């Protein structure tokens, strides 16, 4: 998990550079927006920022046997690295689950 969090940060920093022009345009839109449009644009920027922080991770055949054995360790580790920034109250790590899978 520590490695995934470190890689997510590297990817995020690279995406900030790649999309810097777009981020600047969004910031200009925010500063020039009226009070009705401003919250919508801020929400758009937050969603874009969340997307840039996503690092999909796939486990092969991990829905059955393996996850059930390691889940007590996995949940603790996921919670440890969940919030990258203590000032933010948002969850960055999300687990997709279907039933016991």
Protein backbone atom coordinates (compact mmCIF):
# COMPACT_ATOMS: atom_id res chain seq x y z
CA UNK A 1 0.00 0.00 0.00
CA UNK A 2 2.82 2.37 0.81
CA UNK A 3 4.26 1.81 -2.68
CA UNK A 4 0.85 2.40 -4.31
CA UNK A 5 0.41 5.65 -2.39
CA UNK A 6 3.90 6.79 -3.42
CA UNK A 7 3.20 5.90 -7.07
CA UNK A 8 -0.16 7.67 -6.92
CA UNK A 9 1.63 10.83 -5.79
CA UNK A 10 4.13 10.56 -8.66
CA UNK A 11 1.31 10.04 -11.16
CA UNK A 12 -0.62 12.97 -9.67
CA UNK A 13 2.38 15.30 -9.96
CA UNK A 14 2.89 14.24 -13.59
CA UNK A 15 -0.78 14.85 -14.37
CA UNK A 16 -0.60 18.30 -12.76
CA UNK A 17 2.12 19.16 -15.26
CA UNK A 18 0.29 17.54 -18.17
CA UNK A 19 -2.97 19.36 -17.44
CA UNK A 20 -1.50 22.62 -16.12
CA UNK A 21 -3.02 24.66 -18.96
CA UNK A 22 -6.45 23.21 -18.32
CA UNK A 23 -6.14 23.77 -14.55
CA UNK A 24 -5.16 27.39 -15.17
CA UNK A 25 -8.20 27.84 -17.41
CA UNK A 26 -10.46 26.36 -14.73
CA UNK A 27 -8.91 28.68 -12.12
CA UNK A 28 -9.57 31.69 -14.38
CA UNK A 29 -13.16 30.54 -14.82
CA UNK A 30 -13.51 30.31 -11.03
CA UNK A 31 -12.10 33.78 -10.43
CA UNK A 32 -14.31 35.34 -13.11
CA UNK A 33 -17.49 33.42 -12.38
CA UNK A 34 -20.58 34.89 -10.81
CA UNK A 35 -21.84 33.53 -7.50
CA UNK A 36 -24.24 31.08 -9.22
CA UNK A 37 -21.66 29.45 -11.52
CA UNK A 38 -18.69 29.53 -9.15
CA UNK A 39 -19.74 26.53 -6.98
CA UNK A 40 -20.33 24.40 -10.09
CA UNK A 41 -16.89 25.18 -11.49
CA UNK A 42 -15.24 24.52 -8.11
CA UNK A 43 -17.03 21.15 -7.95
CA UNK A 44 -15.79 20.37 -11.47
CA UNK A 45 -12.22 21.15 -10.41
CA UNK A 46 -12.57 18.95 -7.31
CA UNK A 47 -13.84 16.05 -9.43
CA UNK A 48 -11.01 16.53 -11.92
CA UNK A 49 -8.50 16.59 -9.06
CA UNK A 50 -9.99 13.39 -7.66
CA UNK A 51 -9.73 11.74 -11.09
CA UNK A 52 -6.04 12.71 -11.35
CA UNK A 53 -5.38 11.02 -8.00
CA UNK A 54 -6.95 7.71 -9.04
CA UNK A 55 -4.66 4.78 -9.59
CA UNK A 56 -6.66 1.68 -10.52
CA UNK A 57 -5.22 -1.46 -8.94
CA UNK A 58 -6.38 -4.89 -9.95
CA UNK A 59 -5.91 -8.14 -8.10
CA UNK A 60 -5.95 -11.34 -10.13
CA UNK A 61 -8.49 -13.79 -8.73
CA UNK A 62 -8.37 -11.90 -5.45
CA UNK A 63 -12.10 -11.87 -4.86
CA UNK A 64 -12.31 -15.25 -3.15
CA UNK A 65 -9.63 -17.08 -1.22
CA UNK A 66 -6.76 -14.55 -1.01
CA UNK A 67 -8.76 -11.54 0.12
CA UNK A 68 -10.59 -13.49 2.82
CA UNK A 69 -7.27 -14.57 4.32
CA UNK A 70 -5.60 -11.16 4.24
CA UNK A 71 -8.60 -8.85 4.76
CA UNK A 72 -7.86 -8.16 8.44
CA UNK A 73 -4.44 -6.82 7.38
CA UNK A 74 -5.69 -5.21 4.17
CA UNK A 75 -8.42 -3.14 5.87
CA UNK A 76 -6.00 -1.78 8.47
CA UNK A 77 -3.51 -0.83 5.75
CA UNK A 78 -6.17 0.78 3.56
CA UNK A 79 -7.32 2.89 6.50
CA UNK A 80 -3.75 3.89 7.34
CA UNK A 81 -3.15 5.33 3.86
CA UNK A 82 -6.69 6.48 3.14
CA UNK A 83 -6.24 10.23 3.69
CA UNK A 84 -3.11 11.64 2.08
CA UNK A 85 -3.69 15.05 3.58
CA UNK A 86 -4.77 15.29 7.20
CA UNK A 87 -6.64 18.54 6.47
CA UNK A 88 -8.91 16.80 3.96
CA UNK A 89 -11.81 14.68 5.11
CA UNK A 90 -12.22 12.81 1.82
CA UNK A 91 -11.47 9.16 1.30
CA UNK A 92 -8.94 8.56 -1.44
CA UNK A 93 -8.88 4.78 -1.32
CA UNK A 94 -12.03 3.01 -2.38
CA UNK A 95 -12.64 -0.71 -2.54
CA UNK A 96 -15.07 -2.14 -5.07
CA UNK A 97 -16.92 -5.05 -3.54
CA UNK A 98 -19.72 -7.39 -4.60
CA UNK A 99 -21.11 -9.55 -1.82
CA UNK A 100 -18.10 -11.34 -0.31
CA UNK A 101 -16.02 -10.60 -3.39
